[in-house]
């Protein structure tokens, strides 16, 4: 005669079996055993450290309280390489909590970029620039800036906005000139604007010599609609020198980098407007290539850094120009 058990007993036994399996799994998740350190994805960051030239973060598991290391980008500490009872990578002894890794030697750290703080328009001598840095400045080309043509052109200082390999996107640190967006009234797009023609002809050939011009890249530019007014900004273009779009201002100048800038003395002599009072005294307005509220306007950035999607009349001639380029940094090799 087969012995039968009540359903409640069977259910209880099944529940206990499942509980034992969960406990065993939890132990496997939190145990530090020889080659494997597997944790649940519940991490509490403790501190940042350096290890073999990579940036690591010291974490503690919420379940077991034990520490382990993980890079900021990729989890690389899933396995250790134990030799003679210790990890050849980090020195961790078998069965111990990971120890603090050795910091990168100070001499191997990348130096911070040099940033110049002179008043715009003043003459200055070349300074050492970390051209391999990011979010720094560098000098390339020359343009009249101090308003005294007798002493020659002054080096143009550029702010790095983006970098990939040797290709760098940069905007002039100061307003270099004053130009209307378009010389004629009526509807206009970036592709047909007089300011685009001026940038890729007169400015390009004045600011960069024959040795420098090949390193100013001819790049395709998307010209997205005005995000506030849905105004079309025109077709794609290929430009060596251009203006930022409203989208690019939001992307590159919206987090930590100031949009506020001043016109040079030469730009002022060309009619560039500067704020006469308040906290923004001496700062100016500058054009973007994005269409404004209508296609007879172009978007602008104000002296206070505010992005004006409505823009200004395209024929207005007192707004500043901040040229933008893609440069091949092999020029500095």
C-alpha atoms as a PDB file:
ATOM      1  CA  UNK A   1       0.000   0.000   0.000  1.00  0.00           C
ATOM      2  CA  UNK A   2       1.519   3.337  -1.127  1.00  0.00           C
ATOM      3  CA  UNK A   3       1.909   5.908   1.612  1.00  0.00           C
ATOM      4  CA  UNK A   4       0.361   9.271   0.747  1.00  0.00           C
ATOM      5  CA  UNK A   5       1.069  12.668   2.286  1.00  0.00           C
ATOM      6  CA  UNK A   6      -1.347  15.530   2.745  1.00  0.00           C
ATOM      7  CA  UNK A   7      -1.058  18.305   0.168  1.00  0.00           C
ATOM      8  CA  UNK A   8      -0.103  20.794   2.879  1.00  0.00           C
ATOM      9  CA  UNK A   9       2.913  18.686   3.863  1.00  0.00           C
ATOM     10  CA  UNK A  10       4.019  18.409   0.247  1.00  0.00           C
ATOM     11  CA  UNK A  11       3.680  22.133  -0.218  1.00  0.00           C
ATOM     12  CA  UNK A  12       5.728  22.754   2.933  1.00  0.00           C
ATOM     13  CA  UNK A  13       8.491  20.414   1.792  1.00  0.00           C
ATOM     14  CA  UNK A  14       8.558  22.085  -1.613  1.00  0.00           C
ATOM     15  CA  UNK A  15       8.771  25.513   0.012  1.00  0.00           C
ATOM     16  CA  UNK A  16      11.673  24.388   2.215  1.00  0.00           C
ATOM     17  CA  UNK A  17      13.479  22.960  -0.803  1.00  0.00           C
ATOM     18  CA  UNK A  18      13.057  26.230  -2.699  1.00  0.00           C
ATOM     19  CA  UNK A  19      14.284  28.189   0.332  1.00  0.00           C
ATOM     20  CA  UNK A  20      17.402  26.021   0.529  1.00  0.00           C
ATOM     21  CA  UNK A  21      18.070  26.615  -3.174  1.00  0.00           C
ATOM     22  CA  UNK A  22      17.665  30.377  -2.754  1.00  0.00           C
ATOM     23  CA  UNK A  23      20.009  30.336   0.254  1.00  0.00           C
ATOM     24  CA  UNK A  24      22.594  28.344  -1.695  1.00  0.00           C
ATOM     25  CA  UNK A  25      22.280  30.796  -4.606  1.00  0.00           C
ATOM     26  CA  UNK A  26      22.654  33.768  -2.284  1.00  0.00           C
ATOM     27  CA  UNK A  27      25.763  32.217  -0.787  1.00  0.00           C
ATOM     28  CA  UNK A  28      27.159  31.752  -4.283  1.00  0.00           C
ATOM     29  CA  UNK A  29      26.300  35.365  -5.102  1.00  0.00           C
ATOM     30  CA  UNK A  30      28.097  36.775  -2.065  1.00  0.00           C
ATOM     31  CA  UNK A  31      30.923  34.336  -1.419  1.00  0.00           C
ATOM     32  CA  UNK A  32      34.493  35.248  -2.400  1.00  0.00           C
ATOM     33  CA  UNK A  33      35.865  31.938  -3.593  1.00  0.00           C
ATOM     34  CA  UNK A  34      39.196  31.508  -5.308  1.00  0.00           C
ATOM     35  CA  UNK A  35      38.746  32.545  -8.955  1.00  0.00           C
ATOM     36  CA  UNK A  36      35.219  33.919  -8.874  1.00  0.00           C
ATOM     37  CA  UNK A  37      33.743  36.958  -7.142  1.00  0.00           C
ATOM     38  CA  UNK A  38      30.140  37.125  -8.247  1.00  0.00           C
ATOM     39  CA  UNK A  39      27.795  39.595  -6.632  1.00  0.00           C
ATOM     40  CA  UNK A  40      24.242  40.668  -7.024  1.00  0.00           C
ATOM     41  CA  UNK A  41      23.752  43.867  -9.060  1.00  0.00           C
ATOM     42  CA  UNK A  42      22.997  45.818  -5.867  1.00  0.00           C
ATOM     43  CA  UNK A  43      26.129  47.891  -5.383  1.00  0.00           C
ATOM     44  CA  UNK A  44      26.973  50.694  -3.004  1.00  0.00           C
ATOM     45  CA  UNK A  45      29.954  52.724  -4.302  1.00  0.00           C
ATOM     46  CA  UNK A  46      32.490  53.494  -1.593  1.00  0.00           C
ATOM     47  CA  UNK A  47      35.413  55.312  -3.170  1.00  0.00           C
ATOM     48  CA  UNK A  48      37.375  55.747  -6.379  1.00  0.00           C
ATOM     49  CA  UNK A  49      40.886  54.364  -6.670  1.00  0.00           C
ATOM     50  CA  UNK A  50      43.486  53.748  -9.334  1.00  0.00           C
ATOM     51  CA  UNK A  51      44.828  50.360 -10.406  1.00  0.00           C
ATOM     52  CA  UNK A  52      47.250  49.580 -13.239  1.00  0.00           C
ATOM     53  CA  UNK A  53      46.440  52.893 -15.004  1.00  0.00           C
ATOM     54  CA  UNK A  54      42.716  52.187 -15.026  1.00  0.00           C
ATOM     55  CA  UNK A  55      40.134  54.008 -12.938  1.00  0.00           C
ATOM     56  CA  UNK A  56      38.543  51.640 -10.416  1.00  0.00           C
ATOM     57  CA  UNK A  57      35.736  52.000  -7.906  1.00  0.00           C
ATOM     58  CA  UNK A  58      35.624  50.178  -4.558  1.00  0.00           C
ATOM     59  CA  UNK A  59      32.124  48.714  -4.027  1.00  0.00           C
ATOM     60  CA  UNK A  60      30.521  46.899  -1.122  1.00  0.00           C
ATOM     61  CA  UNK A  61      27.845  44.268  -1.633  1.00  0.00           C
ATOM     62  CA  UNK A  62      24.577  45.151   0.115  1.00  0.00           C
ATOM     63  CA  UNK A  63      23.934  41.494   0.922  1.00  0.00           C
ATOM     64  CA  UNK A  64      27.236  40.335   2.390  1.00  0.00           C
ATOM     65  CA  UNK A  65      29.038  43.591   3.154  1.00  0.00           C
ATOM     66  CA  UNK A  66      32.204  42.457   1.393  1.00  0.00           C
ATOM     67  CA  UNK A  67      34.193  44.755  -0.886  1.00  0.00           C
ATOM     68  CA  UNK A  68      35.181  44.251  -4.482  1.00  0.00           C
ATOM     69  CA  UNK A  69      36.576  46.394  -7.300  1.00  0.00           C
ATOM     70  CA  UNK A  70      35.102  47.428 -10.577  1.00  0.00           C
ATOM     71  CA  UNK A  71      36.215  49.852 -13.296  1.00  0.00           C
ATOM     72  CA  UNK A  72      34.008  52.823 -14.055  1.00  0.00           C
ATOM     73  CA  UNK A  73      33.332  51.517 -17.573  1.00  0.00           C
ATOM     74  CA  UNK A  74      33.714  47.719 -17.566  1.00  0.00           C
ATOM     75  CA  UNK A  75      33.468  45.153 -14.786  1.00  0.00           C
ATOM     76  CA  UNK A  76      36.839  43.444 -14.961  1.00  0.00           C
ATOM     77  CA  UNK A  77      37.204  41.888 -11.510  1.00  0.00           C
ATOM     78  CA  UNK A  78      35.000  38.865 -12.086  1.00  0.00           C
ATOM     79  CA  UNK A  79      38.066  36.594 -11.980  1.00  0.00           C
ATOM     80  CA  UNK A  80      41.409  36.730 -10.209  1.00  0.00           C
ATOM     81  CA  UNK A  81      44.666  35.125 -11.314  1.00  0.00           C
ATOM     82  CA  UNK A  82      45.855  33.410  -8.144  1.00  0.00           C
ATOM     83  CA  UNK A  83      49.468  32.295  -7.984  1.00  0.00           C
ATOM     84  CA  UNK A  84      50.980  30.955  -4.751  1.00  0.00           C
ATOM     85  CA  UNK A  85      47.885  31.981  -2.821  1.00  0.00           C
ATOM     86  CA  UNK A  86      47.687  35.590  -4.110  1.00  0.00           C
ATOM     87  CA  UNK A  87      46.208  37.314  -7.171  1.00  0.00           C
ATOM     88  CA  UNK A  88      48.901  38.272  -9.678  1.00  0.00           C
ATOM     89  CA  UNK A  89      46.752  41.244 -10.815  1.00  0.00           C
ATOM     90  CA  UNK A  90      45.866  42.992  -7.580  1.00  0.00           C
ATOM     91  CA  UNK A  91      47.675  41.104  -4.791  1.00  0.00           C
ATOM     92  CA  UNK A  92      44.479  39.836  -3.174  1.00  0.00           C
ATOM     93  CA  UNK A  93      45.111  36.763  -1.023  1.00  0.00           C
ATOM     94  CA  UNK A  94      42.739  33.867  -1.376  1.00  0.00           C
ATOM     95  CA  UNK A  95      39.782  34.213   0.976  1.00  0.00           C
ATOM     96  CA  UNK A  96      40.509  37.878   1.813  1.00  0.00           C
ATOM     97  CA  UNK A  97      38.568  41.033   1.032  1.00  0.00           C
ATOM     98  CA  UNK A  98      40.178  42.932  -1.908  1.00  0.00           C
ATOM     99  CA  UNK A  99      42.816  45.397  -0.762  1.00  0.00           C
ATOM    100  CA  UNK A 100      43.272  48.999  -1.874  1.00  0.00           C
ATOM    101  CA  UNK A 101      45.045  48.929  -5.271  1.00  0.00           C
ATOM    102  CA  UNK A 102      48.241  50.811  -5.983  1.00  0.00           C
ATOM    103  CA  UNK A 103      47.591  54.356  -7.308  1.00  0.00           C
ATOM    104  CA  UNK A 104      48.880  55.513 -10.673  1.00  0.00           C
ATOM    105  CA  UNK A 105      52.210  57.318 -10.156  1.00  0.00           C
ATOM    106  CA  UNK A 106      51.786  61.082 -10.142  1.00  0.00           C
ATOM    107  CA  UNK A 107      54.213  61.495 -13.040  1.00  0.00           C
ATOM    108  CA  UNK A 108      51.960  59.482 -15.352  1.00  0.00           C
ATOM    109  CA  UNK A 109      48.915  61.670 -14.833  1.00  0.00           C
ATOM    110  CA  UNK A 110      47.773  63.772 -17.821  1.00  0.00           C
ATOM    111  CA  UNK A 111      48.471  67.473 -17.235  1.00  0.00           C
ATOM    112  CA  UNK A 112      45.545  69.858 -17.238  1.00  0.00           C
ATOM    113  CA  UNK A 113      45.156  72.056 -20.333  1.00  0.00           C
ATOM    114  CA  UNK A 114      46.502  75.576 -20.156  1.00  0.00           C
ATOM    115  CA  UNK A 115      43.754  78.199 -20.280  1.00  0.00           C
ATOM    116  CA  UNK A 116      44.565  81.835 -21.028  1.00  0.00           C
ATOM    117  CA  UNK A 117      42.752  84.552 -19.082  1.00  0.00           C
ATOM    118  CA  UNK A 118      43.946  87.753 -20.786  1.00  0.00           C
ATOM    119  CA  UNK A 119      41.483  90.507 -21.653  1.00  0.00           C
ATOM    120  CA  UNK A 120      40.192  90.052 -25.229  1.00  0.00           C
ATOM    121  CA  UNK A 121      42.007  92.198 -27.752  1.00  0.00           C
ATOM    122  CA  UNK A 122      45.207  92.484 -25.699  1.00  0.00           C
ATOM    123  CA  UNK A 123      48.382  91.274 -27.377  1.00  0.00           C
ATOM    124  CA  UNK A 124      49.826  88.189 -25.803  1.00  0.00           C
ATOM    125  CA  UNK A 125      52.622  85.727 -26.370  1.00  0.00           C
ATOM    126  CA  UNK A 126      52.119  82.069 -27.168  1.00  0.00           C
ATOM    127  CA  UNK A 127      51.730  79.847 -24.100  1.00  0.00           C
ATOM    128  CA  UNK A 128      52.262  76.131 -23.726  1.00  0.00           C
ATOM    129  CA  UNK A 129      49.050  74.324 -24.584  1.00  0.00           C
ATOM    130  CA  UNK A 130      48.163  70.718 -23.932  1.00  0.00           C
ATOM    131  CA  UNK A 131      46.798  69.915 -27.386  1.00  0.00           C
ATOM    132  CA  UNK A 132      46.111  66.320 -26.325  1.00  0.00           C
ATOM    133  CA  UNK A 133      43.735  67.408 -23.580  1.00  0.00           C
ATOM    134  CA  UNK A 134      39.974  67.771 -23.600  1.00  0.00           C
ATOM    135  CA  UNK A 135      37.864  70.826 -22.763  1.00  0.00           C
ATOM    136  CA  UNK A 136      40.977  72.976 -23.053  1.00  0.00           C
ATOM    137  CA  UNK A 137      42.068  75.760 -25.372  1.00  0.00           C
ATOM    138  CA  UNK A 138      44.621  75.980 -28.142  1.00  0.00           C
ATOM    139  CA  UNK A 139      45.872  78.626 -30.570  1.00  0.00           C
ATOM    140  CA  UNK A 140      45.625  78.170 -34.304  1.00  0.00           C
ATOM    141  CA  UNK A 141      45.486  80.717 -37.108  1.00  0.00           C
ATOM    142  CA  UNK A 142      45.524  84.478 -36.647  1.00  0.00           C
ATOM    143  CA  UNK A 143      43.071  87.351 -37.045  1.00  0.00           C
ATOM    144  CA  UNK A 144      43.005  91.048 -36.247  1.00  0.00           C
ATOM    145  CA  UNK A 145      41.821  91.404 -32.654  1.00  0.00           C
ATOM    146  CA  UNK A 146      43.437  94.290 -30.808  1.00  0.00           C
ATOM    147  CA  UNK A 147      42.248  96.922 -33.286  1.00  0.00           C
ATOM    148  CA  UNK A 148      45.793  97.907 -34.273  1.00  0.00           C
ATOM    149  CA  UNK A 149      46.557  96.550 -37.755  1.00  0.00           C
ATOM    150  CA  UNK A 150      50.077  98.009 -37.654  1.00  0.00           C
ATOM    151  CA  UNK A 151      51.286  95.293 -35.255  1.00  0.00           C
ATOM    152  CA  UNK A 152      49.970  92.405 -37.319  1.00  0.00           C
ATOM    153  CA  UNK A 153      47.367  89.705 -36.641  1.00  0.00           C
ATOM    154  CA  UNK A 154      46.861  88.098 -33.223  1.00  0.00           C
ATOM    155  CA  UNK A 155      46.683  84.305 -32.693  1.00  0.00           C
ATOM    156  CA  UNK A 156      43.121  82.929 -32.495  1.00  0.00           C
ATOM    157  CA  UNK A 157      42.289  81.056 -29.319  1.00  0.00           C
ATOM    158  CA  UNK A 158      39.852  78.150 -29.668  1.00  0.00           C
ATOM    159  CA  UNK A 159      37.800  76.254 -27.080  1.00  0.00           C
ATOM    160  CA  UNK A 160      37.658  72.477 -27.556  1.00  0.00           C
ATOM    161  CA  UNK A 161      34.043  71.266 -27.658  1.00  0.00           C
ATOM    162  CA  UNK A 162      34.482  67.666 -28.797  1.00  0.00           C
ATOM    163  CA  UNK A 163      37.284  65.302 -29.747  1.00  0.00           C
ATOM    164  CA  UNK A 164      37.676  61.918 -31.372  1.00  0.00           C
ATOM    165  CA  UNK A 165      41.193  60.816 -32.164  1.00  0.00           C
ATOM    166  CA  UNK A 166      42.936  63.632 -34.013  1.00  0.00           C
ATOM    167  CA  UNK A 167      39.683  65.360 -35.019  1.00  0.00           C
ATOM    168  CA  UNK A 168      38.676  68.263 -32.794  1.00  0.00           C
ATOM    169  CA  UNK A 169      35.597  70.494 -32.891  1.00  0.00           C
ATOM    170  CA  UNK A 170      36.371  73.997 -31.614  1.00  0.00           C
ATOM    171  CA  UNK A 171      34.752  77.434 -31.351  1.00  0.00           C
ATOM    172  CA  UNK A 172      36.597  80.740 -31.086  1.00  0.00           C
ATOM    173  CA  UNK A 173      36.892  81.904 -27.504  1.00  0.00           C
ATOM    174  CA  UNK A 174      35.893  85.458 -28.391  1.00  0.00           C
ATOM    175  CA  UNK A 175      33.632  87.234 -30.867  1.00  0.00           C
ATOM    176  CA  UNK A 176      36.062  87.953 -33.713  1.00  0.00           C
ATOM    177  CA  UNK A 177      33.978  90.095 -36.056  1.00  0.00           C
ATOM    178  CA  UNK A 178      30.540  91.574 -36.718  1.00  0.00           C
ATOM    179  CA  UNK A 179      28.538  90.551 -39.785  1.00  0.00           C
ATOM    180  CA  UNK A 180      24.882  90.389 -40.824  1.00  0.00           C
ATOM    181  CA  UNK A 181      23.603  86.838 -41.129  1.00  0.00           C
ATOM    182  CA  UNK A 182      22.535  87.769 -44.632  1.00  0.00           C
ATOM    183  CA  UNK A 183      23.127  90.933 -46.604  1.00  0.00           C
ATOM    184  CA  UNK A 184      19.642  90.949 -48.167  1.00  0.00           C
ATOM    185  CA  UNK A 185      16.288  90.969 -46.389  1.00  0.00           C
ATOM    186  CA  UNK A 186      13.724  88.202 -46.771  1.00  0.00           C
ATOM    187  CA  UNK A 187      13.717  84.469 -46.143  1.00  0.00           C
ATOM    188  CA  UNK A 188      17.112  82.833 -45.959  1.00  0.00           C
ATOM    189  CA  UNK A 189      18.746  79.554 -44.925  1.00  0.00           C
ATOM    190  CA  UNK A 190      22.255  78.845 -43.712  1.00  0.00           C
ATOM    191  CA  UNK A 191      23.153  77.279 -47.066  1.00  0.00           C
ATOM    192  CA  UNK A 192      22.520  80.518 -48.982  1.00  0.00           C
ATOM    193  CA  UNK A 193      23.474  83.048 -46.299  1.00  0.00           C
ATOM    194  CA  UNK A 194      26.129  85.696 -46.918  1.00  0.00           C
ATOM    195  CA  UNK A 195      27.744  84.934 -43.542  1.00  0.00           C
ATOM    196  CA  UNK A 196      28.419  81.334 -44.628  1.00  0.00           C
ATOM    197  CA  UNK A 197      30.066  82.583 -47.811  1.00  0.00           C
ATOM    198  CA  UNK A 198      32.134  85.108 -45.830  1.00  0.00           C
ATOM    199  CA  UNK A 199      33.310  82.486 -43.313  1.00  0.00           C
ATOM    200  CA  UNK A 200      34.377  80.005 -45.988  1.00  0.00           C
ATOM    201  CA  UNK A 201      36.067  82.573 -48.172  1.00  0.00           C
ATOM    202  CA  UNK A 202      37.315  85.826 -46.661  1.00  0.00           C
ATOM    203  CA  UNK A 203      37.648  84.631 -43.069  1.00  0.00           C
ATOM    204  CA  UNK A 204      39.134  81.239 -44.008  1.00  0.00           C
ATOM    205  CA  UNK A 205      41.788  82.793 -46.229  1.00  0.00           C
ATOM    206  CA  UNK A 206      42.599  85.588 -43.774  1.00  0.00           C
ATOM    207  CA  UNK A 207      42.756  83.531 -40.579  1.00  0.00           C
ATOM    208  CA  UNK A 208      44.663  80.505 -41.900  1.00  0.00           C
ATOM    209  CA  UNK A 209      47.746  80.432 -44.078  1.00  0.00           C
ATOM    210  CA  UNK A 210      48.581  77.907 -46.781  1.00  0.00           C
ATOM    211  CA  UNK A 211      50.160  75.553 -44.261  1.00  0.00           C
ATOM    212  CA  UNK A 212      47.189  75.692 -41.871  1.00  0.00           C
ATOM    213  CA  UNK A 213      44.232  75.542 -44.285  1.00  0.00           C
ATOM    214  CA  UNK A 214      44.623  71.824 -45.182  1.00  0.00           C
ATOM    215  CA  UNK A 215      44.126  70.998 -41.482  1.00  0.00           C
ATOM    216  CA  UNK A 216      40.768  72.808 -41.381  1.00  0.00           C
ATOM    217  CA  UNK A 217      38.445  69.946 -42.340  1.00  0.00           C
ATOM    218  CA  UNK A 218      35.565  70.242 -44.790  1.00  0.00           C
ATOM    219  CA  UNK A 219      32.769  68.511 -42.859  1.00  0.00           C
ATOM    220  CA  UNK A 220      29.108  67.771 -43.478  1.00  0.00           C
ATOM    221  CA  UNK A 221      26.778  69.855 -41.321  1.00  0.00           C
ATOM    222  CA  UNK A 222      23.216  68.918 -40.440  1.00  0.00           C
ATOM    223  CA  UNK A 223      20.996  71.949 -40.120  1.00  0.00           C
ATOM    224  CA  UNK A 224      18.091  70.897 -37.878  1.00  0.00           C
ATOM    225  CA  UNK A 225      14.839  72.774 -37.483  1.00  0.00           C
ATOM    226  CA  UNK A 226      14.387  75.375 -34.796  1.00  0.00           C
ATOM    227  CA  UNK A 227      13.278  73.319 -31.764  1.00  0.00           C
ATOM    228  CA  UNK A 228      10.913  76.026 -30.468  1.00  0.00           C
ATOM    229  CA  UNK A 229       9.333  77.300 -33.693  1.00  0.00           C
ATOM    230  CA  UNK A 230       9.842  74.303 -36.008  1.00  0.00           C
ATOM    231  CA  UNK A 231      11.360  76.625 -38.597  1.00  0.00           C
ATOM    232  CA  UNK A 232      13.400  74.880 -41.291  1.00  0.00           C
ATOM    233  CA  UNK A 233      17.087  75.812 -41.301  1.00  0.00           C
ATOM    234  CA  UNK A 234      17.789  74.415 -44.759  1.00  0.00           C
ATOM    235  CA  UNK A 235      19.596  71.433 -46.296  1.00  0.00           C
ATOM    236  CA  UNK A 236      22.824  69.759 -45.215  1.00  0.00           C
ATOM    237  CA  UNK A 237      25.987  71.628 -46.121  1.00  0.00           C
ATOM    238  CA  UNK A 238      29.717  70.990 -46.293  1.00  0.00           C
ATOM    239  CA  UNK A 239      31.743  73.682 -44.548  1.00  0.00           C
ATOM    240  CA  UNK A 240      35.275  74.323 -43.384  1.00  0.00           C
ATOM    241  CA  UNK A 241      34.162  77.203 -41.183  1.00  0.00           C
ATOM    242  CA  UNK A 242      30.641  77.510 -39.787  1.00  0.00           C
ATOM    243  CA  UNK A 243      28.518  78.691 -36.867  1.00  0.00           C
ATOM    244  CA  UNK A 244      27.146  76.537 -34.070  1.00  0.00           C
ATOM    245  CA  UNK A 245      23.524  75.419 -34.336  1.00  0.00           C
ATOM    246  CA  UNK A 246      21.100  75.873 -31.447  1.00  0.00           C
ATOM    247  CA  UNK A 247      21.243  72.107 -30.834  1.00  0.00           C
ATOM    248  CA  UNK A 248      25.046  72.190 -30.657  1.00  0.00           C
ATOM    249  CA  UNK A 249      24.954  75.058 -28.163  1.00  0.00           C
ATOM    250  CA  UNK A 250      22.670  72.972 -25.949  1.00  0.00           C
ATOM    251  CA  UNK A 251      24.916  69.944 -26.369  1.00  0.00           C
ATOM    252  CA  UNK A 252      28.385  71.444 -26.033  1.00  0.00           C
ATOM    253  CA  UNK A 253      27.913  74.692 -24.125  1.00  0.00           C
ATOM    254  CA  UNK A 254      25.157  73.659 -21.750  1.00  0.00           C
ATOM    255  CA  UNK A 255      27.176  71.856 -19.084  1.00  0.00           C
ATOM    256  CA  UNK A 256      29.953  73.784 -17.421  1.00  0.00           C
ATOM    257  CA  UNK A 257      31.200  75.765 -20.406  1.00  0.00           C
ATOM    258  CA  UNK A 258      30.024  79.310 -20.475  1.00  0.00           C
ATOM    259  CA  UNK A 259      28.174  80.648 -23.479  1.00  0.00           C
ATOM    260  CA  UNK A 260      29.088  84.170 -22.444  1.00  0.00           C
ATOM    261  CA  UNK A 261      31.845  85.865 -24.393  1.00  0.00           C
ATOM    262  CA  UNK A 262      33.143  89.301 -25.282  1.00  0.00           C
ATOM    263  CA  UNK A 263      33.903  90.943 -28.613  1.00  0.00           C
ATOM    264  CA  UNK A 264      37.513  91.816 -29.374  1.00  0.00           C
ATOM    265  CA  UNK A 265      38.466  95.447 -29.893  1.00  0.00           C
ATOM    266  CA  UNK A 266      38.533  94.833 -33.623  1.00  0.00           C
ATOM    267  CA  UNK A 267      35.010  93.343 -33.520  1.00  0.00           C
ATOM    268  CA  UNK A 268      33.826  96.420 -31.627  1.00  0.00           C
ATOM    269  CA  UNK A 269      35.344  98.636 -34.295  1.00  0.00           C
ATOM    270  CA  UNK A 270      33.373  96.634 -36.852  1.00  0.00           C
ATOM    271  CA  UNK A 271      30.123  97.440 -35.040  1.00  0.00           C
ATOM    272  CA  UNK A 272      29.705  94.481 -32.681  1.00  0.00           C
ATOM    273  CA  UNK A 273      27.335  95.295 -29.827  1.00  0.00           C
ATOM    274  CA  UNK A 274      28.434  94.935 -26.205  1.00  0.00           C
ATOM    275  CA  UNK A 275      26.321  95.230 -23.077  1.00  0.00           C
ATOM    276  CA  UNK A 276      26.890  98.672 -21.492  1.00  0.00           C
ATOM    277  CA  UNK A 277      25.903  97.868 -17.918  1.00  0.00           C
ATOM    278  CA  UNK A 278      25.123  95.332 -15.223  1.00  0.00           C
ATOM    279  CA  UNK A 279      26.720  91.972 -14.571  1.00  0.00           C
ATOM    280  CA  UNK A 280      27.148  91.395 -18.313  1.00  0.00           C
ATOM    281  CA  UNK A 281      28.877  94.648 -19.162  1.00  0.00           C
ATOM    282  CA  UNK A 282      31.317  94.138 -22.036  1.00  0.00           C
ATOM    283  CA  UNK A 283      29.772  90.881 -23.263  1.00  0.00           C
ATOM    284  CA  UNK A 284      28.145  90.543 -26.672  1.00  0.00           C
ATOM    285  CA  UNK A 285      25.545  88.794 -28.834  1.00  0.00           C
ATOM    286  CA  UNK A 286      26.503  86.179 -31.409  1.00  0.00           C
ATOM    287  CA  UNK A 287      24.856  84.400 -34.324  1.00  0.00           C
ATOM    288  CA  UNK A 288      23.887  80.751 -34.679  1.00  0.00           C
ATOM    289  CA  UNK A 289      23.260  79.061 -38.020  1.00  0.00           C
ATOM    290  CA  UNK A 290      19.785  77.835 -36.951  1.00  0.00           C
ATOM    291  CA  UNK A 291      16.753  79.679 -38.319  1.00  0.00           C
ATOM    292  CA  UNK A 292      14.840  81.899 -35.904  1.00  0.00           C
ATOM    293  CA  UNK A 293      11.105  82.265 -35.361  1.00  0.00           C
ATOM    294  CA  UNK A 294      10.821  82.872 -39.124  1.00  0.00           C
ATOM    295  CA  UNK A 295      13.168  82.179 -41.994  1.00  0.00           C
ATOM    296  CA  UNK A 296      14.037  85.868 -42.182  1.00  0.00           C
ATOM    297  CA  UNK A 297      15.569  85.556 -38.686  1.00  0.00           C
ATOM    298  CA  UNK A 298      18.456  83.539 -37.275  1.00  0.00           C
ATOM    299  CA  UNK A 299      18.819  82.270 -33.720  1.00  0.00           C
ATOM    300  CA  UNK A 300      21.285  84.009 -31.401  1.00  0.00           C
ATOM    301  CA  UNK A 301      22.995  83.749 -28.012  1.00  0.00           C
ATOM    302  CA  UNK A 302      22.633  86.761 -25.737  1.00  0.00           C
ATOM    303  CA  UNK A 303      25.191  88.585 -23.631  1.00  0.00           C
ATOM    304  CA  UNK A 304      23.904  86.622 -20.613  1.00  0.00           C
ATOM    305  CA  UNK A 305      24.341  83.264 -22.366  1.00  0.00           C
ATOM    306  CA  UNK A 306      20.619  82.839 -23.017  1.00  0.00           C
ATOM    307  CA  UNK A 307      19.759  81.021 -26.239  1.00  0.00           C
ATOM    308  CA  UNK A 308      17.251  83.108 -28.209  1.00  0.00           C
ATOM    309  CA  UNK A 309      15.324  80.743 -30.457  1.00  0.00           C
ATOM    310  CA  UNK A 310      13.249  83.637 -31.827  1.00  0.00           C
ATOM    311  CA  UNK A 311      16.475  85.183 -33.068  1.00  0.00           C
ATOM    312  CA  UNK A 312      17.247  88.487 -34.732  1.00  0.00           C
ATOM    313  CA  UNK A 313      16.541  89.922 -38.160  1.00  0.00           C
ATOM    314  CA  UNK A 314      19.067  88.374 -40.550  1.00  0.00           C
ATOM    315  CA  UNK A 315      20.191  91.775 -41.874  1.00  0.00           C
ATOM    316  CA  UNK A 316      21.102  93.071 -38.406  1.00  0.00           C
ATOM    317  CA  UNK A 317      24.794  93.973 -38.585  1.00  0.00           C
ATOM    318  CA  UNK A 318      25.794  94.428 -34.942  1.00  0.00           C
ATOM    319  CA  UNK A 319      25.772  90.761 -33.915  1.00  0.00           C
ATOM    320  CA  UNK A 320      29.050  88.964 -33.404  1.00  0.00           C
ATOM    321  CA  UNK A 321      30.637  86.013 -35.168  1.00  0.00           C
ATOM    322  CA  UNK A 322      32.232  83.104 -33.314  1.00  0.00           C
ATOM    323  CA  UNK A 323      33.679  80.866 -36.040  1.00  0.00           C
ATOM    324  CA  UNK A 324      33.650  77.089 -35.544  1.00  0.00           C
ATOM    325  CA  UNK A 325      36.014  74.579 -37.157  1.00  0.00           C
ATOM    326  CA  UNK A 326      36.905  70.918 -37.223  1.00  0.00           C
ATOM    327  CA  UNK A 327      40.698  70.725 -37.082  1.00  0.00           C
ATOM    328  CA  UNK A 328      43.044  67.817 -37.662  1.00  0.00           C
ATOM    329  CA  UNK A 329      45.320  67.920 -34.605  1.00  0.00           C
ATOM    330  CA  UNK A 330      48.145  66.266 -36.523  1.00  0.00           C
ATOM    331  CA  UNK A 331      49.026  69.846 -37.384  1.00  0.00           C
ATOM    332  CA  UNK A 332      50.664  70.039 -33.949  1.00  0.00           C
ATOM    333  CA  UNK A 333      52.771  66.898 -34.435  1.00  0.00           C
END
